[in-house]
Protein backbone atom coordinates (compact mmCIF):
# COMPACT_ATOMS: atom_id res chain seq x y z
CA UNK A 1 101.17 87.75 78.27
CA UNK A 2 98.02 87.16 78.05
CA UNK A 3 95.57 89.64 75.02
CA UNK A 4 93.13 89.81 77.78
CA UNK A 5 95.53 90.82 80.82
CA UNK A 6 94.79 94.53 81.29
CA UNK A 7 97.61 96.73 81.89
CA UNK A 8 98.15 99.11 84.87
CA UNK A 9 101.96 101.43 85.55
CA UNK A 10 102.37 102.00 89.59
CA UNK A 11 104.19 105.05 90.75
CA UNK A 12 105.37 106.35 93.88
CA UNK A 13 105.97 109.53 95.74
CA UNK A 14 106.21 109.75 99.00
CA UNK A 15 107.12 113.50 100.17
CA UNK A 16 108.82 115.55 103.37
CA UNK A 17 105.76 114.52 105.77
CA UNK A 18 105.83 110.75 105.04
CA UNK A 19 102.61 111.36 102.62
CA UNK A 20 102.95 108.29 99.77
CA UNK A 21 101.29 109.18 96.29
CA UNK A 22 100.33 105.79 93.72
CA UNK A 23 99.79 107.25 90.65
CA UNK A 24 97.89 105.07 88.60
CA UNK A 25 98.21 104.51 84.15
CA UNK A 26 95.94 102.39 82.17
CA UNK A 27 93.57 99.53 84.12
CA UNK A 28 92.57 98.29 86.90
CA UNK A 29 90.58 94.40 86.86
CA UNK A 30 90.96 91.99 88.23
CA UNK A 31 94.18 90.78 85.83
CA UNK A 32 95.84 92.91 87.90
CA UNK A 33 94.75 94.18 90.99
CA UNK A 34 97.26 91.78 92.97
CA UNK A 35 99.90 94.16 92.30
CA UNK A 36 98.47 97.05 93.82
CA UNK A 37 97.54 95.54 96.87
CA UNK A 38 101.33 94.01 96.94
CA UNK A 39 102.19 97.25 96.33
CA UNK A 40 99.71 99.54 98.78
CA UNK A 41 100.56 96.33 102.46
CA UNK A 42 104.26 97.40 101.37
CA UNK A 43 103.44 100.97 102.13
CA UNK A 44 101.06 100.68 104.69
CA UNK A 45 103.85 98.27 106.50
CA UNK A 46 106.15 101.38 106.80
CA UNK A 47 103.07 104.17 108.79
CA UNK A 48 103.40 106.51 106.25
CA UNK A 49 101.29 109.49 107.35
CA UNK A 50 98.15 109.33 104.24
CA UNK A 51 98.35 107.59 100.96
CA UNK A 52 96.72 110.15 97.75
CA UNK A 53 96.11 107.36 94.96
CA UNK A 54 95.98 109.63 91.66
CA UNK A 55 93.97 108.49 89.20
CA UNK A 56 94.10 110.93 86.70
CA UNK A 57 95.78 108.29 84.32
CA UNK A 58 93.93 105.08 84.90
CA UNK A 59 91.18 104.49 82.59
CA UNK A 60 89.10 101.95 83.95
CA UNK A 61 88.80 100.02 87.25
CA UNK A 62 86.57 97.12 87.68
CA UNK A 63 85.30 96.17 91.72
CA UNK A 64 88.69 94.42 92.57
CA UNK A 65 90.73 97.67 92.31
CA UNK A 66 87.98 99.14 94.45
CA UNK A 67 88.40 97.20 96.59
CA UNK A 68 92.21 97.26 97.22
CA UNK A 69 90.99 101.27 97.95
CA UNK A 70 88.75 100.45 100.28
CA UNK A 71 91.03 97.95 101.94
CA UNK A 72 93.83 100.62 102.02
CA UNK A 73 90.83 102.91 103.90
CA UNK A 74 90.38 100.01 106.27
CA UNK A 75 93.68 100.35 107.31
CA UNK A 76 95.03 103.82 107.05
CA UNK A 77 92.86 106.94 107.93
CA UNK A 78 94.52 109.67 105.79
CA UNK A 79 93.63 107.93 101.81
CA UNK A 80 92.14 110.11 98.99
CA UNK A 81 91.30 109.95 95.51
CA UNK A 82 92.98 112.76 93.43
CA UNK A 83 91.29 113.17 89.69
CA UNK A 84 89.00 109.43 89.64
CA UNK A 85 87.76 109.65 85.64
CA UNK A 86 83.75 109.41 85.70
CA UNK A 87 84.04 105.99 84.54
CA UNK A 88 86.13 104.78 87.96
CA UNK A 89 83.72 107.09 89.90
CA UNK A 90 80.39 105.59 88.82
CA UNK A 91 82.58 102.22 89.77
CA UNK A 92 82.61 103.20 93.52
CA UNK A 93 79.29 104.62 93.31
CA UNK A 94 77.85 101.47 91.79
CA UNK A 95 80.09 99.25 95.09
CA UNK A 96 78.26 102.44 97.22
CA UNK A 97 81.57 103.87 98.69
CA UNK A 98 80.71 106.28 97.50
CA UNK A 99 80.72 108.56 100.65
CA UNK A 100 83.66 106.24 101.71
CA UNK A 101 86.38 106.92 99.57
CA UNK A 102 85.90 110.87 98.74
CA UNK A 103 87.77 112.47 96.16
């Protein structure tokens, strides 16, 4: 594995109501955003009642990571962000998505 590749861990939890939480840990960028996109696509196929991205332990995301979250938002009515860091919030604001992707 290249040293230039960011490391992200994706943990999936489903509650009794069918809402899915994806807890992201580490850094999310172009080098690993496909992993998140695959997880989101699989979750969307299961038609959950909602999807929460828990960003408490995500220290960084570039626009490719935020684009995956936007993909989920565009394909599911109930998508929320939980505890985005100031760095992640800044990327969302820079992309002009602060009104779309709310915590």
